[in-house]
Amino acid sequence: MPQLVGLMVVGAGLYAAYKAIGRIAQQVSEQMTRAEEELSRRTAEVRVAEKDLGVLEWDEAQQVYRPKRLR
């Protein structure tokens, strides 16, 4: 009979540990979701507008494309 009581105590401990791990996993999942939302919001605020260089023309001397000069 004492073995049965010991087994019940061990089982209750394992069940409590299982529930605690489940709660911790849920908390970590929620924190990751909040962190991803924060990161996406910050990157949306920081976006830099692209510069429009207009029409480019090939510069033979420098071997690069440069903005076409207005004449």
C-alpha atoms as a PDB file:
ATOM      1  CA  MET A   1       0.000   0.000   0.000  1.00  0.00           C
ATOM      2  CA  PRO A   2       2.804   2.553   0.681  1.00  0.00           C
ATOM      3  CA  GLN A   3       4.026   1.976  -2.900  1.00  0.00           C
ATOM      4  CA  LEU A   4       0.622   3.004  -4.202  1.00  0.00           C
ATOM      5  CA  VAL A   5       0.711   6.235  -2.192  1.00  0.00           C
ATOM      6  CA  GLY A   6       4.231   6.935  -3.428  1.00  0.00           C
ATOM      7  CA  LEU A   7       3.151   6.266  -7.002  1.00  0.00           C
ATOM      8  CA  MET A   8       0.200   8.644  -6.591  1.00  0.00           C
ATOM      9  CA  VAL A   9       2.492  11.375  -5.224  1.00  0.00           C
ATOM     10  CA  VAL A  10       4.915  10.912  -8.128  1.00  0.00           C
ATOM     11  CA  GLY A  11       2.014  10.957 -10.589  1.00  0.00           C
ATOM     12  CA  ALA A  12       0.616  14.156  -9.078  1.00  0.00           C
ATOM     13  CA  GLY A  13       4.061  15.748  -9.266  1.00  0.00           C
ATOM     14  CA  LEU A  14       4.465  14.777 -12.911  1.00  0.00           C
ATOM     15  CA  TYR A  15       1.009  16.114 -13.733  1.00  0.00           C
ATOM     16  CA  ALA A  16       1.801  19.429 -11.990  1.00  0.00           C
ATOM     17  CA  ALA A  17       5.115  19.666 -13.892  1.00  0.00           C
ATOM     18  CA  TYR A  18       3.303  18.942 -17.170  1.00  0.00           C
ATOM     19  CA  LYS A  19       0.807  21.738 -16.505  1.00  0.00           C
ATOM     20  CA  ALA A  20       3.583  24.167 -15.477  1.00  0.00           C
ATOM     21  CA  ILE A  21       5.552  23.443 -18.655  1.00  0.00           C
ATOM     22  CA  GLY A  22       2.386  24.027 -20.692  1.00  0.00           C
ATOM     23  CA  ARG A  23       1.862  27.429 -19.054  1.00  0.00           C
ATOM     24  CA  ILE A  24       5.496  28.394 -19.622  1.00  0.00           C
ATOM     25  CA  ALA A  25       5.274  27.337 -23.276  1.00  0.00           C
ATOM     26  CA  GLN A  26       2.125  29.456 -23.705  1.00  0.00           C
ATOM     27  CA  GLN A  27       3.824  32.479 -22.144  1.00  0.00           C
ATOM     28  CA  VAL A  28       6.860  32.093 -24.404  1.00  0.00           C
ATOM     29  CA  SER A  29       4.590  31.812 -27.438  1.00  0.00           C
ATOM     30  CA  GLU A  30       2.766  35.019 -26.482  1.00  0.00           C
ATOM     31  CA  GLN A  31       6.062  36.841 -25.887  1.00  0.00           C
ATOM     32  CA  MET A  32       7.351  35.740 -29.301  1.00  0.00           C
ATOM     33  CA  THR A  33       4.169  36.977 -30.962  1.00  0.00           C
ATOM     34  CA  ARG A  34       4.469  40.360 -29.249  1.00  0.00           C
ATOM     35  CA  ALA A  35       8.170  40.604 -30.161  1.00  0.00           C
ATOM     36  CA  GLU A  36       7.446  39.827 -33.828  1.00  0.00           C
ATOM     37  CA  GLU A  37       4.690  42.451 -33.918  1.00  0.00           C
ATOM     38  CA  GLU A  38       7.001  45.017 -32.297  1.00  0.00           C
ATOM     39  CA  LEU A  39       9.765  44.229 -34.784  1.00  0.00           C
ATOM     40  CA  SER A  40       7.451  44.525 -37.779  1.00  0.00           C
ATOM     41  CA  ARG A  41       6.077  47.826 -36.444  1.00  0.00           C
ATOM     42  CA  ARG A  42       9.587  49.229 -35.934  1.00  0.00           C
ATOM     43  CA  THR A  43      10.752  48.195 -39.384  1.00  0.00           C
ATOM     44  CA  ALA A  44       7.651  49.778 -40.923  1.00  0.00           C
ATOM     45  CA  GLU A  45       8.513  53.088 -39.218  1.00  0.00           C
ATOM     46  CA  VAL A  46      12.141  53.031 -40.379  1.00  0.00           C
ATOM     47  CA  ARG A  47      11.603  52.356 -44.066  1.00  0.00           C
ATOM     48  CA  VAL A  48      13.587  54.724 -46.251  1.00  0.00           C
ATOM     49  CA  ALA A  49      12.081  56.015 -49.452  1.00  0.00           C
ATOM     50  CA  GLU A  50      14.004  55.095 -52.572  1.00  0.00           C
ATOM     51  CA  LYS A  51      15.635  57.915 -54.489  1.00  0.00           C
ATOM     52  CA  ASP A  52      14.513  58.344 -58.040  1.00  0.00           C
ATOM     53  CA  LEU A  53      17.634  59.099 -60.068  1.00  0.00           C
ATOM     54  CA  GLY A  54      15.675  59.507 -63.254  1.00  0.00           C
ATOM     55  CA  VAL A  55      17.113  58.253 -66.514  1.00  0.00           C
ATOM     56  CA  LEU A  56      20.603  56.803 -66.298  1.00  0.00           C
ATOM     57  CA  GLU A  57      23.236  56.931 -69.011  1.00  0.00           C
ATOM     58  CA  TRP A  58      26.468  54.980 -69.395  1.00  0.00           C
ATOM     59  CA  ASP A  59      29.659  56.906 -68.591  1.00  0.00           C
ATOM     60  CA  GLU A  60      32.422  55.376 -70.718  1.00  0.00           C
ATOM     61  CA  ALA A  61      35.236  57.086 -68.833  1.00  0.00           C
ATOM     62  CA  GLN A  62      34.203  55.764 -65.411  1.00  0.00           C
ATOM     63  CA  GLN A  63      32.479  52.592 -66.642  1.00  0.00           C
ATOM     64  CA  VAL A  64      29.372  53.269 -64.526  1.00  0.00           C
ATOM     65  CA  TYR A  65      25.823  54.463 -65.008  1.00  0.00           C
ATOM     66  CA  ARG A  66      25.162  58.062 -63.978  1.00  0.00           C
ATOM     67  CA  PRO A  67      22.023  60.204 -63.901  1.00  0.00           C
ATOM     68  CA  LYS A  68      21.407  61.808 -67.260  1.00  0.00           C
ATOM     69  CA  ARG A  69      22.213  65.517 -67.238  1.00  0.00           C
ATOM     70  CA  LEU A  70      19.478  67.915 -68.142  1.00  0.00           C
ATOM     71  CA  ARG A  71      20.439  70.038 -71.149  1.00  0.00           C
END
